[in-house]
Amino acid sequence: MTDPIADYLTRLRNAIKANHRVVEVPASNLKKELTRILHEKGYILNYKFVEEGPQGTIKIALKYDSVNKVNSIKKMIRVSTPGLRQYVGYKDMPRVLNGLGIAILSTSKGVMTNKEALDLKVGGEVICYIY
């Protein structure tokens, strides 16, 4: 696997399209931080780290609307890839859907959203857009 973050996003995307309640993904520190941010921003219901085997897994409970059965995540776009890294400064911070979505960045101060990075005046690598 050459791009584990794209695999993470694809597993979430496929589980949402199949209307699954829970999805399991192989764990890494970056994926744990992405999952934490998605939970804090209300895109997923809950998550749990399972430490078994050499790598461990992350169990993610997806969030659906109880009336229409619509997921809270509409789209996930991978921006920076292993072949073409995308970096931005804090002055050029991307706005996703005019502020309704989030961009997740890997900065020198850790993984955070575009709004947090703008408050700290720090730039970094744009990992993905979520809305």
Protein backbone atom coordinates (compact mmCIF):
# COMPACT_ATOMS: atom_id res chain seq x y z
CA MET A 1 0.00 0.00 0.00
CA THR A 2 1.61 3.25 -1.09
CA ASP A 3 -0.91 5.71 0.38
CA PRO A 4 -2.38 4.64 3.75
CA ILE A 5 -4.35 7.89 4.19
CA ALA A 6 -6.12 7.42 0.86
CA ASP A 7 -6.89 3.84 1.95
CA TYR A 8 -8.33 5.18 5.24
CA LEU A 9 -10.56 7.67 3.42
CA THR A 10 -11.64 5.04 0.87
CA ARG A 11 -12.62 2.58 3.61
CA LEU A 12 -14.75 5.28 5.25
CA ARG A 13 -16.27 6.28 1.91
CA ASN A 14 -17.12 2.66 1.01
CA ALA A 15 -18.66 1.99 4.43
CA ILE A 16 -20.83 5.09 4.11
CA LYS A 17 -22.05 4.07 0.64
CA ALA A 18 -22.86 0.56 1.94
CA ASN A 19 -24.70 2.05 4.98
CA HIS A 20 -22.47 0.21 7.47
CA ARG A 21 -22.61 1.25 11.11
CA VAL A 22 -19.00 0.36 12.00
CA VAL A 23 -15.83 0.29 9.92
CA GLU A 24 -12.41 -1.06 10.93
CA VAL A 25 -9.18 0.43 9.61
CA PRO A 26 -5.54 -0.41 10.37
CA ALA A 27 -4.14 1.98 12.97
CA SER A 28 -1.31 4.48 12.76
CA ASN A 29 -0.64 7.67 14.69
CA LEU A 30 -1.77 9.89 11.80
CA LYS A 31 -4.99 7.89 11.33
CA LYS A 32 -5.67 8.15 15.08
CA GLU A 33 -5.35 11.92 14.88
CA LEU A 34 -7.60 12.08 11.79
CA THR A 35 -10.21 9.99 13.63
CA ARG A 36 -9.97 12.22 16.72
CA ILE A 37 -10.56 15.33 14.61
CA LEU A 38 -13.52 13.74 12.80
CA HIS A 39 -15.06 12.87 16.18
CA GLU A 40 -14.46 16.35 17.64
CA LYS A 41 -16.06 18.03 14.62
CA GLY A 42 -19.10 15.71 14.72
CA TYR A 43 -18.54 13.78 11.49
CA ILE A 44 -18.40 10.37 13.22
CA LEU A 45 -20.31 9.05 16.21
CA ASN A 46 -17.54 7.34 18.17
CA TYR A 47 -14.25 5.50 17.80
CA LYS A 48 -12.18 2.94 19.67
CA PHE A 49 -8.55 1.91 19.39
CA VAL A 50 -8.02 -1.87 19.53
CA GLU A 51 -4.42 -2.80 20.38
CA GLU A 52 -4.07 -6.34 19.05
CA GLY A 53 -1.47 -7.62 16.65
CA PRO A 54 1.58 -5.64 15.60
CA GLN A 55 -0.35 -2.63 14.30
CA GLY A 56 -3.79 -2.56 15.93
CA THR A 57 -7.04 -1.31 14.44
CA ILE A 58 -9.41 1.61 14.80
CA LYS A 59 -13.12 0.84 15.04
CA ILE A 60 -15.16 3.82 13.84
CA ALA A 61 -18.91 4.13 14.44
CA LEU A 62 -20.39 6.17 11.60
CA LYS A 63 -22.99 8.88 12.24
CA TYR A 64 -26.31 8.78 10.37
CA ASP A 65 -29.38 11.01 10.50
CA SER A 66 -32.15 9.04 12.23
CA VAL A 67 -34.92 10.25 9.90
CA ASN A 68 -33.41 10.21 6.40
CA LYS A 69 -30.54 7.72 7.01
CA VAL A 70 -28.10 10.25 5.52
CA ASN A 71 -24.49 10.29 6.71
CA SER A 72 -22.96 13.48 8.08
CA ILE A 73 -19.96 13.13 5.72
CA LYS A 74 -20.91 14.14 2.19
CA LYS A 75 -17.47 14.09 0.57
CA MET A 76 -13.84 13.36 1.46
CA ILE A 77 -11.13 14.51 -0.92
CA ARG A 78 -7.46 13.55 -0.58
CA VAL A 79 -5.39 16.62 -1.44
CA SER A 80 -1.74 15.85 -0.76
CA THR A 81 -0.51 12.53 -2.17
CA PRO A 82 2.86 10.77 -1.86
CA GLY A 83 3.66 11.79 -5.43
CA LEU A 84 2.58 15.43 -5.09
CA ARG A 85 2.67 17.03 -1.67
CA GLN A 86 0.53 20.16 -1.20
CA TYR A 87 1.75 22.70 1.35
CA VAL A 88 0.13 25.99 2.35
CA GLY A 89 1.15 28.88 4.53
CA TYR A 90 -1.26 30.29 7.08
CA LYS A 91 -2.01 33.26 4.81
CA ASP A 92 -3.11 30.91 2.00
CA MET A 93 -5.23 28.62 4.20
CA PRO A 94 -7.95 26.83 2.18
CA ARG A 95 -11.64 27.40 2.98
CA VAL A 96 -13.82 24.36 2.33
CA LEU A 97 -17.37 25.17 1.20
CA ASN A 98 -16.92 28.76 2.37
CA GLY A 99 -16.26 27.63 5.94
CA LEU A 100 -18.86 24.84 6.21
CA GLY A 101 -16.35 22.01 5.71
CA ILE A 102 -12.92 21.39 7.17
CA ALA A 103 -9.44 20.91 5.77
CA ILE A 104 -7.14 18.70 7.84
CA LEU A 105 -3.49 19.76 7.93
CA SER A 106 -0.32 18.17 9.23
CA THR A 107 1.65 21.00 10.79
CA SER A 108 4.76 21.33 12.93
CA LYS A 109 2.43 21.60 15.95
CA GLY A 110 0.52 18.41 15.11
CA VAL A 111 -2.49 17.42 13.02
CA MET A 112 -5.26 20.04 13.11
CA THR A 113 -8.04 21.66 11.10
CA ASN A 114 -7.59 24.72 8.91
CA LYS A 115 -9.34 26.96 11.47
CA GLU A 116 -7.05 25.87 14.32
CA ALA A 117 -3.98 26.33 12.11
CA LEU A 118 -5.16 29.82 11.14
CA ASP A 119 -5.58 30.75 14.82
CA LEU A 120 -2.06 29.51 15.61
CA LYS A 121 -0.69 31.19 12.43
CA VAL A 122 0.98 27.99 11.24
CA GLY A 123 0.97 26.35 7.80
CA GLY A 124 1.56 22.79 6.76
CA GLU A 125 0.66 19.91 4.45
CA VAL A 126 -3.01 19.73 3.47
CA ILE A 127 -4.05 16.12 4.00
CA CYS A 128 -7.73 16.18 2.97
CA TYR A 129 -10.96 18.14 2.68
CA ILE A 130 -14.08 16.88 4.46
CA TYR A 131 -17.61 18.21 4.14
